[in-house]
């Protein structure tokens, strides 16, 4: 096997055909390992590696999941090799909807400019392996999403996904009165048609579940009023936490979709909502909420009586 590395370990001539692939192309924070029909993208673990890459670990990307390969000049003596995923092929990129910054793009490999010719050789080999319909969207996901269970803390609640249902547990210190009135929420995958993710790095960041049969006018316009959504904030719903969550849910929703040929057009079954037993509160969540109350009390935003009353309510949930 020919191996090509940029840390001075090994090197060799570039491959001429896809059948000779199996080579390793190592860049900054990322390594591409080629096979005859796919590329394994491995992300290094380190203090300078974007946290999203560390969460992803590695991803196997079939060439049929790609629409193009691009090579462009980078900054400070680098060149960028980037694979372009086909729409519908990767639930992570579909959920991101073009909102990721360049530095967090998992399909982007940054290399020293001295390797431009070598990178172009690899790019040509991948282009030759792309399917004839590479410009068309795929009918199913071809790249695997992160595996549940997955949880993250939003500003107004904790979101969890166990592979079968999505649950939102509201925080007293962040949730709107509309959400408190609606109560904690649980949605089975069969109830969902998709997911809407807006990056926490922009104003109005949130994750909203799109329910089957719901149109845009049927749900509240603001995510903080919608019991099927959680909102982000400073330090809450970070990209490396909420985006893999969104991708995992999106993948599960697609996998649960019934065969359209087995049903009359427009007659997708919608499972009935059933009452679920109330889960026992997580002591760690209660402790976090009490600490948050303490911070509000110290800041003068809660009186001593208000603090004591709410603390007692939280402790009573245990």
C-alpha atoms as a PDB file:
ATOM      1  CA  UNK A   1       0.000   0.000   0.000  1.00  0.00           C
ATOM      2  CA  UNK A   2       1.294   3.409  -0.960  1.00  0.00           C
ATOM      3  CA  UNK A   3       1.033   5.897   1.903  1.00  0.00           C
ATOM      4  CA  UNK A   4       1.272   9.642   1.659  1.00  0.00           C
ATOM      5  CA  UNK A   5       1.682  11.674   4.846  1.00  0.00           C
ATOM      6  CA  UNK A   6       2.605  15.254   5.611  1.00  0.00           C
ATOM      7  CA  UNK A   7       4.270  14.735   8.958  1.00  0.00           C
ATOM      8  CA  UNK A   8       7.416  13.361   7.380  1.00  0.00           C
ATOM      9  CA  UNK A   9       6.567   9.725   8.143  1.00  0.00           C
ATOM     10  CA  UNK A  10       5.988   8.105   4.790  1.00  0.00           C
ATOM     11  CA  UNK A  11       5.529   9.120   1.200  1.00  0.00           C
ATOM     12  CA  UNK A  12       5.259   7.592  -2.223  1.00  0.00           C
ATOM     13  CA  UNK A  13       4.040   8.144  -5.771  1.00  0.00           C
ATOM     14  CA  UNK A  14       0.396   9.072  -6.214  1.00  0.00           C
ATOM     15  CA  UNK A  15      -2.036   6.420  -7.421  1.00  0.00           C
ATOM     16  CA  UNK A  16      -3.004   6.338 -11.085  1.00  0.00           C
ATOM     17  CA  UNK A  17      -6.227   4.351 -10.842  1.00  0.00           C
ATOM     18  CA  UNK A  18      -8.918   3.816  -8.268  1.00  0.00           C
ATOM     19  CA  UNK A  19      -7.945   0.168  -7.960  1.00  0.00           C
ATOM     20  CA  UNK A  20      -4.622   1.209  -6.466  1.00  0.00           C
ATOM     21  CA  UNK A  21      -6.186   3.425  -3.831  1.00  0.00           C
ATOM     22  CA  UNK A  22      -5.763   2.628  -0.166  1.00  0.00           C
ATOM     23  CA  UNK A  23      -3.504   5.596   0.368  1.00  0.00           C
ATOM     24  CA  UNK A  24      -3.529   8.055   3.249  1.00  0.00           C
ATOM     25  CA  UNK A  25      -3.637  11.798   2.671  1.00  0.00           C
ATOM     26  CA  UNK A  26      -3.046  13.615   5.967  1.00  0.00           C
ATOM     27  CA  UNK A  27      -3.779  17.302   6.438  1.00  0.00           C
ATOM     28  CA  UNK A  28      -4.320  19.581   9.408  1.00  0.00           C
ATOM     29  CA  UNK A  29      -6.653  17.933  11.965  1.00  0.00           C
ATOM     30  CA  UNK A  30      -7.953  15.523   9.310  1.00  0.00           C
ATOM     31  CA  UNK A  31      -6.790  12.392   7.472  1.00  0.00           C
ATOM     32  CA  UNK A  32      -8.367  10.944   4.338  1.00  0.00           C
ATOM     33  CA  UNK A  33      -7.835   7.233   3.805  1.00  0.00           C
ATOM     34  CA  UNK A  34      -8.892   6.080   0.361  1.00  0.00           C
ATOM     35  CA  UNK A  35     -10.508   2.826  -0.719  1.00  0.00           C
ATOM     36  CA  UNK A  36     -11.709   1.775  -4.157  1.00  0.00           C
ATOM     37  CA  UNK A  37     -15.277   2.960  -3.543  1.00  0.00           C
ATOM     38  CA  UNK A  38     -15.085   5.309  -0.570  1.00  0.00           C
ATOM     39  CA  UNK A  39     -12.965   7.575   1.590  1.00  0.00           C
ATOM     40  CA  UNK A  40     -12.622   7.204   5.349  1.00  0.00           C
ATOM     41  CA  UNK A  41     -12.358  10.679   6.890  1.00  0.00           C
ATOM     42  CA  UNK A  42     -10.672  10.518  10.302  1.00  0.00           C
ATOM     43  CA  UNK A  43     -10.465  13.515  12.613  1.00  0.00           C
ATOM     44  CA  UNK A  44      -7.586  13.969  15.037  1.00  0.00           C
ATOM     45  CA  UNK A  45      -8.190  14.617  18.728  1.00  0.00           C
ATOM     46  CA  UNK A  46      -6.366  17.638  20.035  1.00  0.00           C
ATOM     47  CA  UNK A  47      -6.797  21.020  21.623  1.00  0.00           C
ATOM     48  CA  UNK A  48      -6.750  22.757  18.220  1.00  0.00           C
ATOM     49  CA  UNK A  49      -9.107  20.337  16.507  1.00  0.00           C
ATOM     50  CA  UNK A  50     -12.655  21.732  16.150  1.00  0.00           C
ATOM     51  CA  UNK A  51     -14.945  20.119  18.703  1.00  0.00           C
ATOM     52  CA  UNK A  52     -17.371  19.019  15.999  1.00  0.00           C
ATOM     53  CA  UNK A  53     -14.579  16.943  14.418  1.00  0.00           C
ATOM     54  CA  UNK A  54     -13.745  15.376  17.769  1.00  0.00           C
ATOM     55  CA  UNK A  55     -17.376  14.362  18.257  1.00  0.00           C
ATOM     56  CA  UNK A  56     -17.618  12.872  14.761  1.00  0.00           C
ATOM     57  CA  UNK A  57     -14.421  10.842  15.186  1.00  0.00           C
ATOM     58  CA  UNK A  58     -14.433   9.294  11.734  1.00  0.00           C
ATOM     59  CA  UNK A  59     -16.860   8.968   8.841  1.00  0.00           C
ATOM     60  CA  UNK A  60     -16.983   6.568   5.896  1.00  0.00           C
ATOM     61  CA  UNK A  61     -18.097   8.456   2.779  1.00  0.00           C
ATOM     62  CA  UNK A  62     -18.934   6.398  -0.335  1.00  0.00           C
ATOM     63  CA  UNK A  63     -17.995   8.100  -3.594  1.00  0.00           C
ATOM     64  CA  UNK A  64     -21.631   7.739  -4.658  1.00  0.00           C
ATOM     65  CA  UNK A  65     -22.459  10.211  -1.853  1.00  0.00           C
ATOM     66  CA  UNK A  66     -20.417  12.946  -3.565  1.00  0.00           C
ATOM     67  CA  UNK A  67     -21.352  15.315  -6.362  1.00  0.00           C
ATOM     68  CA  UNK A  68     -17.948  16.927  -6.959  1.00  0.00           C
ATOM     69  CA  UNK A  69     -14.417  17.450  -5.651  1.00  0.00           C
ATOM     70  CA  UNK A  70     -12.853  20.914  -5.527  1.00  0.00           C
ATOM     71  CA  UNK A  71      -9.310  22.159  -5.066  1.00  0.00           C
ATOM     72  CA  UNK A  72      -8.670  25.787  -4.147  1.00  0.00           C
ATOM     73  CA  UNK A  73      -5.932  27.967  -2.620  1.00  0.00           C
ATOM     74  CA  UNK A  74      -6.078  28.336   1.158  1.00  0.00           C
ATOM     75  CA  UNK A  75      -4.555  30.783   3.624  1.00  0.00           C
ATOM     76  CA  UNK A  76      -0.906  31.024   4.675  1.00  0.00           C
ATOM     77  CA  UNK A  77       0.620  28.595   2.222  1.00  0.00           C
ATOM     78  CA  UNK A  78      -2.117  25.974   2.166  1.00  0.00           C
ATOM     79  CA  UNK A  79      -4.354  24.365  -0.410  1.00  0.00           C
ATOM     80  CA  UNK A  80      -7.853  23.056   0.283  1.00  0.00           C
ATOM     81  CA  UNK A  81      -9.228  19.804  -1.070  1.00  0.00           C
ATOM     82  CA  UNK A  82     -12.977  19.620  -0.549  1.00  0.00           C
ATOM     83  CA  UNK A  83     -15.493  16.943  -1.378  1.00  0.00           C
ATOM     84  CA  UNK A  84     -19.021  18.188  -2.084  1.00  0.00           C
ATOM     85  CA  UNK A  85     -21.745  15.888  -0.721  1.00  0.00           C
ATOM     86  CA  UNK A  86     -24.868  15.282  -2.764  1.00  0.00           C
ATOM     87  CA  UNK A  87     -28.106  16.683  -1.329  1.00  0.00           C
ATOM     88  CA  UNK A  88     -29.778  13.978   0.729  1.00  0.00           C
ATOM     89  CA  UNK A  89     -26.636  11.860   1.110  1.00  0.00           C
ATOM     90  CA  UNK A  90     -25.449  13.044   4.532  1.00  0.00           C
ATOM     91  CA  UNK A  91     -27.957  13.825   7.309  1.00  0.00           C
ATOM     92  CA  UNK A  92     -25.353  15.961   9.100  1.00  0.00           C
ATOM     93  CA  UNK A  93     -24.885  18.299   6.134  1.00  0.00           C
ATOM     94  CA  UNK A  94     -28.598  18.294   5.325  1.00  0.00           C
ATOM     95  CA  UNK A  95     -29.368  19.363   8.899  1.00  0.00           C
ATOM     96  CA  UNK A  96     -26.634  22.024   8.777  1.00  0.00           C
ATOM     97  CA  UNK A  97     -28.171  23.555   5.652  1.00  0.00           C
ATOM     98  CA  UNK A  98     -24.998  25.431   4.682  1.00  0.00           C
ATOM     99  CA  UNK A  99     -24.621  27.101   8.102  1.00  0.00           C
ATOM    100  CA  UNK A 100     -21.266  25.564   9.062  1.00  0.00           C
ATOM    101  CA  UNK A 101     -18.200  27.773   9.012  1.00  0.00           C
ATOM    102  CA  UNK A 102     -15.343  26.649   6.765  1.00  0.00           C
ATOM    103  CA  UNK A 103     -13.232  25.567   9.724  1.00  0.00           C
ATOM    104  CA  UNK A 104     -15.960  23.135  10.834  1.00  0.00           C
ATOM    105  CA  UNK A 105     -16.674  21.632   7.403  1.00  0.00           C
ATOM    106  CA  UNK A 106     -16.006  17.871   7.740  1.00  0.00           C
ATOM    107  CA  UNK A 107     -15.546  17.528   3.976  1.00  0.00           C
ATOM    108  CA  UNK A 108     -12.664  20.005   3.870  1.00  0.00           C
ATOM    109  CA  UNK A 109      -9.005  18.886   3.937  1.00  0.00           C
ATOM    110  CA  UNK A 110      -6.356  21.603   4.437  1.00  0.00           C
ATOM    111  CA  UNK A 111      -2.906  20.681   3.063  1.00  0.00           C
ATOM    112  CA  UNK A 112       0.480  22.390   2.652  1.00  0.00           C
ATOM    113  CA  UNK A 113       0.626  24.181  -0.695  1.00  0.00           C
ATOM    114  CA  UNK A 114       3.594  22.002  -1.692  1.00  0.00           C
ATOM    115  CA  UNK A 115       1.157  19.102  -2.012  1.00  0.00           C
ATOM    116  CA  UNK A 116      -1.142  20.813  -4.516  1.00  0.00           C
ATOM    117  CA  UNK A 117      -0.107  18.609  -7.442  1.00  0.00           C
ATOM    118  CA  UNK A 118      -0.568  15.472  -5.359  1.00  0.00           C
ATOM    119  CA  UNK A 119      -3.944  16.690  -4.121  1.00  0.00           C
ATOM    120  CA  UNK A 120      -5.052  17.326  -7.707  1.00  0.00           C
ATOM    121  CA  UNK A 121      -4.110  13.750  -8.594  1.00  0.00           C
ATOM    122  CA  UNK A 122      -6.322  12.408  -5.839  1.00  0.00           C
ATOM    123  CA  UNK A 123      -9.113  14.795  -6.801  1.00  0.00           C
ATOM    124  CA  UNK A 124      -8.995  13.540 -10.403  1.00  0.00           C
ATOM    125  CA  UNK A 125      -9.136   9.924  -9.222  1.00  0.00           C
ATOM    126  CA  UNK A 126     -12.210  10.625  -7.079  1.00  0.00           C
ATOM    127  CA  UNK A 127     -13.912  12.518  -9.901  1.00  0.00           C
ATOM    128  CA  UNK A 128     -13.424   9.511 -12.151  1.00  0.00           C
ATOM    129  CA  UNK A 129     -15.206   7.350  -9.571  1.00  0.00           C
ATOM    130  CA  UNK A 130     -18.263   9.590  -9.135  1.00  0.00           C
ATOM    131  CA  UNK A 131     -21.582   8.112 -10.317  1.00  0.00           C
ATOM    132  CA  UNK A 132     -23.176   9.250 -13.552  1.00  0.00           C
ATOM    133  CA  UNK A 133     -26.011  10.908 -11.616  1.00  0.00           C
ATOM    134  CA  UNK A 134     -23.713  12.695  -9.144  1.00  0.00           C
ATOM    135  CA  UNK A 135     -25.490  16.004  -9.747  1.00  0.00           C
ATOM    136  CA  UNK A 136     -28.815  14.555  -8.578  1.00  0.00           C
ATOM    137  CA  UNK A 137     -29.992  14.331  -4.950  1.00  0.00           C
ATOM    138  CA  UNK A 138     -29.946  10.880  -3.368  1.00  0.00           C
ATOM    139  CA  UNK A 139     -33.140   9.108  -2.328  1.00  0.00           C
ATOM    140  CA  UNK A 140     -31.629   7.891   0.952  1.00  0.00           C
ATOM    141  CA  UNK A 141     -28.794   8.748   3.292  1.00  0.00           C
ATOM    142  CA  UNK A 142     -25.450   7.216   2.315  1.00  0.00           C
ATOM    143  CA  UNK A 143     -23.345   8.573   5.189  1.00  0.00           C
ATOM    144  CA  UNK A 144     -24.080   7.491   8.763  1.00  0.00           C
ATOM    145  CA  UNK A 145     -25.137  10.027  11.378  1.00  0.00           C
ATOM    146  CA  UNK A 146     -23.806   9.983  14.964  1.00  0.00           C
ATOM    147  CA  UNK A 147     -25.319   7.140  16.977  1.00  0.00           C
ATOM    148  CA  UNK A 148     -27.862   7.806  19.758  1.00  0.00           C
ATOM    149  CA  UNK A 149     -28.415   8.132  22.653  1.00  0.00           C
ATOM    150  CA  UNK A 150     -27.539  11.812  22.403  1.00  0.00           C
ATOM    151  CA  UNK A 151     -28.353  14.665  24.766  1.00  0.00           C
ATOM    152  CA  UNK A 152     -27.561  18.355  24.971  1.00  0.00           C
ATOM    153  CA  UNK A 153     -28.616  21.360  27.018  1.00  0.00           C
ATOM    154  CA  UNK A 154     -30.431  24.174  25.293  1.00  0.00           C
ATOM    155  CA  UNK A 155     -31.165  27.482  27.002  1.00  0.00           C
ATOM    156  CA  UNK A 156     -34.722  26.536  27.908  1.00  0.00           C
ATOM    157  CA  UNK A 157     -34.468  22.777  28.353  1.00  0.00           C
ATOM    158  CA  UNK A 158     -32.631  19.520  27.985  1.00  0.00           C
ATOM    159  CA  UNK A 159     -33.052  17.606  24.710  1.00  0.00           C
ATOM    160  CA  UNK A 160     -32.519  13.855  24.518  1.00  0.00           C
ATOM    161  CA  UNK A 161     -32.834  11.261  21.754  1.00  0.00           C
ATOM    162  CA  UNK A 162     -32.685   7.535  22.420  1.00  0.00           C
ATOM    163  CA  UNK A 163     -33.134   6.369  18.823  1.00  0.00           C
ATOM    164  CA  UNK A 164     -36.910   6.042  19.070  1.00  0.00           C
ATOM    165  CA  UNK A 165     -38.179   9.293  20.556  1.00  0.00           C
ATOM    166  CA  UNK A 166     -37.107  12.873  21.186  1.00  0.00           C
ATOM    167  CA  UNK A 167     -37.772  14.353  24.611  1.00  0.00           C
ATOM    168  CA  UNK A 168     -37.643  17.954  25.837  1.00  0.00           C
ATOM    169  CA  UNK A 169     -37.471  18.628  29.575  1.00  0.00           C
ATOM    170  CA  UNK A 170     -37.969  22.318  30.340  1.00  0.00           C
ATOM    171  CA  UNK A 171     -35.779  24.406  32.647  1.00  0.00           C
ATOM    172  CA  UNK A 172     -37.658  26.740  34.980  1.00  0.00           C
ATOM    173  CA  UNK A 173     -34.957  29.373  34.540  1.00  0.00           C
ATOM    174  CA  UNK A 174     -35.180  29.513  30.729  1.00  0.00           C
ATOM    175  CA  UNK A 175     -38.436  28.093  29.391  1.00  0.00           C
ATOM    176  CA  UNK A 176     -41.298  30.372  28.396  1.00  0.00           C
ATOM    177  CA  UNK A 177     -44.649  30.234  30.144  1.00  0.00           C
ATOM    178  CA  UNK A 178     -46.108  28.648  26.998  1.00  0.00           C
ATOM    179  CA  UNK A 179     -43.720  25.719  27.338  1.00  0.00           C
ATOM    180  CA  UNK A 180     -44.327  25.366  31.071  1.00  0.00           C
ATOM    181  CA  UNK A 181     -48.050  25.277  30.379  1.00  0.00           C
ATOM    182  CA  UNK A 182     -47.577  22.585  27.724  1.00  0.00           C
ATOM    183  CA  UNK A 183     -45.318  20.539  30.013  1.00  0.00           C
ATOM    184  CA  UNK A 184     -42.335  18.356  29.180  1.00  0.00           C
ATOM    185  CA  UNK A 185     -42.608  16.880  25.699  1.00  0.00           C
ATOM    186  CA  UNK A 186     -41.908  13.522  24.044  1.00  0.00           C
ATOM    187  CA  UNK A 187     -42.218  12.803  20.318  1.00  0.00           C
ATOM    188  CA  UNK A 188     -41.831   9.401  18.687  1.00  0.00           C
ATOM    189  CA  UNK A 189     -39.904   9.270  15.432  1.00  0.00           C
ATOM    190  CA  UNK A 190     -43.070   8.147  13.660  1.00  0.00           C
ATOM    191  CA  UNK A 191     -44.684  11.490  14.499  1.00  0.00           C
ATOM    192  CA  UNK A 192     -41.936  13.508  12.831  1.00  0.00           C
ATOM    193  CA  UNK A 193     -41.440  14.598   9.234  1.00  0.00           C
ATOM    194  CA  UNK A 194     -38.089  16.313   9.730  1.00  0.00           C
ATOM    195  CA  UNK A 195     -36.056  18.711  11.801  1.00  0.00           C
ATOM    196  CA  UNK A 196     -35.080  22.379  11.579  1.00  0.00           C
ATOM    197  CA  UNK A 197     -31.687  23.438  12.944  1.00  0.00           C
ATOM    198  CA  UNK A 198     -30.580  27.046  13.155  1.00  0.00           C
ATOM    199  CA  UNK A 199     -26.990  27.518  14.250  1.00  0.00           C
ATOM    200  CA  UNK A 200     -26.385  28.798  17.794  1.00  0.00           C
ATOM    201  CA  UNK A 201     -23.774  31.102  16.287  1.00  0.00           C
ATOM    202  CA  UNK A 202     -26.489  33.342  14.807  1.00  0.00           C
ATOM    203  CA  UNK A 203     -29.377  35.234  16.350  1.00  0.00           C
ATOM    204  CA  UNK A 204     -32.401  33.040  16.928  1.00  0.00           C
ATOM    205  CA  UNK A 205     -30.550  29.711  17.042  1.00  0.00           C
ATOM    206  CA  UNK A 206     -32.840  26.776  17.778  1.00  0.00           C
ATOM    207  CA  UNK A 207     -33.741  23.170  17.054  1.00  0.00           C
ATOM    208  CA  UNK A 208     -37.341  22.576  16.028  1.00  0.00           C
ATOM    209  CA  UNK A 209     -39.081  19.268  15.315  1.00  0.00           C
ATOM    210  CA  UNK A 210     -41.287  19.255  12.218  1.00  0.00           C
ATOM    211  CA  UNK A 211     -44.320  17.087  12.866  1.00  0.00           C
ATOM    212  CA  UNK A 212     -46.166  15.100  10.227  1.00  0.00           C
ATOM    213  CA  UNK A 213     -49.216  16.858   8.892  1.00  0.00           C
ATOM    214  CA  UNK A 214     -48.190  20.241  10.345  1.00  0.00           C
ATOM    215  CA  UNK A 215     -47.906  23.225   8.051  1.00  0.00           C
ATOM    216  CA  UNK A 216     -46.005  26.427   8.674  1.00  0.00           C
ATOM    217  CA  UNK A 217     -49.090  28.283   9.881  1.00  0.00           C
ATOM    218  CA  UNK A 218     -49.947  25.592  12.418  1.00  0.00           C
ATOM    219  CA  UNK A 219     -46.921  26.090  14.646  1.00  0.00           C
ATOM    220  CA  UNK A 220     -45.860  29.212  16.591  1.00  0.00           C
ATOM    221  CA  UNK A 221     -43.561  31.543  14.711  1.00  0.00           C
ATOM    222  CA  UNK A 222     -41.058  31.865  17.564  1.00  0.00           C
ATOM    223  CA  UNK A 223     -39.140  28.818  18.767  1.00  0.00           C
ATOM    224  CA  UNK A 224     -39.314  29.954  22.393  1.00  0.00           C
ATOM    225  CA  UNK A 225     -43.113  29.592  22.245  1.00  0.00           C
ATOM    226  CA  UNK A 226     -43.151  26.242  20.435  1.00  0.00           C
ATOM    227  CA  UNK A 227     -43.213  23.099  22.641  1.00  0.00           C
ATOM    228  CA  UNK A 228     -41.697  21.193  19.701  1.00  0.00           C
ATOM    229  CA  UNK A 229     -38.544  23.346  19.777  1.00  0.00           C
ATOM    230  CA  UNK A 230     -35.661  24.266  22.057  1.00  0.00           C
ATOM    231  CA  UNK A 231     -33.789  27.550  21.793  1.00  0.00           C
ATOM    232  CA  UNK A 232     -30.062  28.117  22.013  1.00  0.00           C
ATOM    233  CA  UNK A 233     -28.097  30.792  23.823  1.00  0.00           C
ATOM    234  CA  UNK A 234     -24.599  31.627  24.955  1.00  0.00           C
ATOM    235  CA  UNK A 235     -23.072  28.292  25.913  1.00  0.00           C
ATOM    236  CA  UNK A 236     -26.265  26.352  25.151  1.00  0.00           C
ATOM    237  CA  UNK A 237     -26.972  24.158  22.114  1.00  0.00           C
ATOM    238  CA  UNK A 238     -23.396  24.404  20.823  1.00  0.00           C
ATOM    239  CA  UNK A 239     -22.760  23.249  17.247  1.00  0.00           C
ATOM    240  CA  UNK A 240     -20.826  20.133  18.254  1.00  0.00           C
ATOM    241  CA  UNK A 241     -23.698  19.095  20.536  1.00  0.00           C
ATOM    242  CA  UNK A 242     -26.883  20.127  18.755  1.00  0.00           C
ATOM    243  CA  UNK A 243     -25.933  19.437  15.116  1.00  0.00           C
ATOM    244  CA  UNK A 244     -25.024  15.738  15.615  1.00  0.00           C
ATOM    245  CA  UNK A 245     -28.295  15.467  17.564  1.00  0.00           C
ATOM    246  CA  UNK A 246     -30.227  16.963  14.636  1.00  0.00           C
ATOM    247  CA  UNK A 247     -28.472  14.628  12.170  1.00  0.00           C
ATOM    248  CA  UNK A 248     -29.268  11.528  14.231  1.00  0.00           C
ATOM    249  CA  UNK A 249     -32.950  12.479  14.436  1.00  0.00           C
ATOM    250  CA  UNK A 250     -33.095  13.258  10.714  1.00  0.00           C
ATOM    251  CA  UNK A 251     -31.552   9.884   9.859  1.00  0.00           C
ATOM    252  CA  UNK A 252     -34.052   8.069  12.087  1.00  0.00           C
ATOM    253  CA  UNK A 253     -36.975   9.959  10.545  1.00  0.00           C
ATOM    254  CA  UNK A 254     -35.936   8.933   7.048  1.00  0.00           C
ATOM    255  CA  UNK A 255     -35.406   5.319   8.103  1.00  0.00           C
ATOM    256  CA  UNK A 256     -38.925   5.229   9.585  1.00  0.00           C
ATOM    257  CA  UNK A 257     -40.686   6.491   6.486  1.00  0.00           C
ATOM    258  CA  UNK A 258     -43.078   3.886   5.057  1.00  0.00           C
ATOM    259  CA  UNK A 259     -42.714   2.513   1.556  1.00  0.00           C
ATOM    260  CA  UNK A 260     -44.691   4.991  -0.605  1.00  0.00           C
ATOM    261  CA  UNK A 261     -45.548   2.183  -3.056  1.00  0.00           C
ATOM    262  CA  UNK A 262     -47.394   0.313  -0.308  1.00  0.00           C
ATOM    263  CA  UNK A 263     -49.826   3.135   0.475  1.00  0.00           C
ATOM    264  CA  UNK A 264     -52.174   5.350  -1.530  1.00  0.00           C
ATOM    265  CA  UNK A 265     -50.687   8.734  -2.326  1.00  0.00           C
ATOM    266  CA  UNK A 266     -51.026  11.172   0.558  1.00  0.00           C
ATOM    267  CA  UNK A 267     -52.011   8.472   3.064  1.00  0.00           C
ATOM    268  CA  UNK A 268     -49.058   8.228   5.388  1.00  0.00           C
ATOM    269  CA  UNK A 269     -49.993   6.777   8.767  1.00  0.00           C
ATOM    270  CA  UNK A 270     -49.589   9.068  11.746  1.00  0.00           C
ATOM    271  CA  UNK A 271     -49.265   7.125  15.002  1.00  0.00           C
ATOM    272  CA  UNK A 272     -51.566   8.327  17.757  1.00  0.00           C
ATOM    273  CA  UNK A 273     -49.951  10.100  20.685  1.00  0.00           C
ATOM    274  CA  UNK A 274     -50.084   7.924  23.776  1.00  0.00           C
ATOM    275  CA  UNK A 275     -49.498   9.003  27.325  1.00  0.00           C
ATOM    276  CA  UNK A 276     -46.114   7.916  28.619  1.00  0.00           C
ATOM    277  CA  UNK A 277     -45.204   7.400  32.246  1.00  0.00           C
ATOM    278  CA  UNK A 278     -43.439  10.391  33.725  1.00  0.00           C
ATOM    279  CA  UNK A 279     -39.716   9.671  33.926  1.00  0.00           C
ATOM    280  CA  UNK A 280     -38.028  10.114  37.272  1.00  0.00           C
ATOM    281  CA  UNK A 281     -36.191  13.474  37.322  1.00  0.00           C
ATOM    282  CA  UNK A 282     -32.452  13.350  36.785  1.00  0.00           C
ATOM    283  CA  UNK A 283     -30.739  14.471  40.040  1.00  0.00           C
ATOM    284  CA  UNK A 284     -27.966  16.089  37.983  1.00  0.00           C
ATOM    285  CA  UNK A 285     -30.539  18.253  36.172  1.00  0.00           C
ATOM    286  CA  UNK A 286     -32.117  19.264  39.479  1.00  0.00           C
ATOM    287  CA  UNK A 287     -28.693  20.215  40.843  1.00  0.00           C
ATOM    288  CA  UNK A 288     -27.938  22.296  37.729  1.00  0.00           C
ATOM    289  CA  UNK A 289     -31.232  24.136  38.032  1.00  0.00           C
ATOM    290  CA  UNK A 290     -30.642  24.866  41.731  1.00  0.00           C
ATOM    291  CA  UNK A 291     -27.156  26.217  40.917  1.00  0.00           C
ATOM    292  CA  UNK A 292     -28.695  28.427  38.232  1.00  0.00           C
ATOM    293  CA  UNK A 293     -31.248  29.694  40.748  1.00  0.00           C
ATOM    294  CA  UNK A 294     -28.425  30.442  43.171  1.00  0.00           C
ATOM    295  CA  UNK A 295     -26.643  32.493  40.523  1.00  0.00           C
ATOM    296  CA  UNK A 296     -29.821  34.493  39.876  1.00  0.00           C
ATOM    297  CA  UNK A 297     -30.243  35.024  43.619  1.00  0.00           C
ATOM    298  CA  UNK A 298     -26.670  36.246  44.022  1.00  0.00           C
ATOM    299  CA  UNK A 299     -27.169  38.609  41.088  1.00  0.00           C
ATOM    300  CA  UNK A 300     -30.174  40.127  42.837  1.00  0.00           C
ATOM    301  CA  UNK A 301     -32.682  38.819  40.289  1.00  0.00           C
ATOM    302  CA  UNK A 302     -34.485  36.623  42.829  1.00  0.00           C
ATOM    303  CA  UNK A 303     -35.493  37.507  46.368  1.00  0.00           C
ATOM    304  CA  UNK A 304     -34.598  35.236  49.275  1.00  0.00           C
ATOM    305  CA  UNK A 305     -38.202  34.019  49.472  1.00  0.00           C
ATOM    306  CA  UNK A 306     -38.392  33.340  45.727  1.00  0.00           C
ATOM    307  CA  UNK A 307     -35.129  31.447  45.808  1.00  0.00           C
ATOM    308  CA  UNK A 308     -36.160  29.339  48.793  1.00  0.00           C
ATOM    309  CA  UNK A 309     -39.583  28.571  47.319  1.00  0.00           C
ATOM    310  CA  UNK A 310     -38.238  27.467  43.924  1.00  0.00           C
ATOM    311  CA  UNK A 311     -35.434  25.474  45.513  1.00  0.00           C
ATOM    312  CA  UNK A 312     -37.974  23.619  47.639  1.00  0.00           C
ATOM    313  CA  UNK A 313     -40.069  22.871  44.549  1.00  0.00           C
ATOM    314  CA  UNK A 314     -37.083  21.401  42.742  1.00  0.00           C
ATOM    315  CA  UNK A 315     -36.035  19.286  45.702  1.00  0.00           C
ATOM    316  CA  UNK A 316     -39.586  17.977  45.984  1.00  0.00           C
ATOM    317  CA  UNK A 317     -39.261  16.512  42.461  1.00  0.00           C
ATOM    318  CA  UNK A 318     -36.561  14.094  43.609  1.00  0.00           C
END
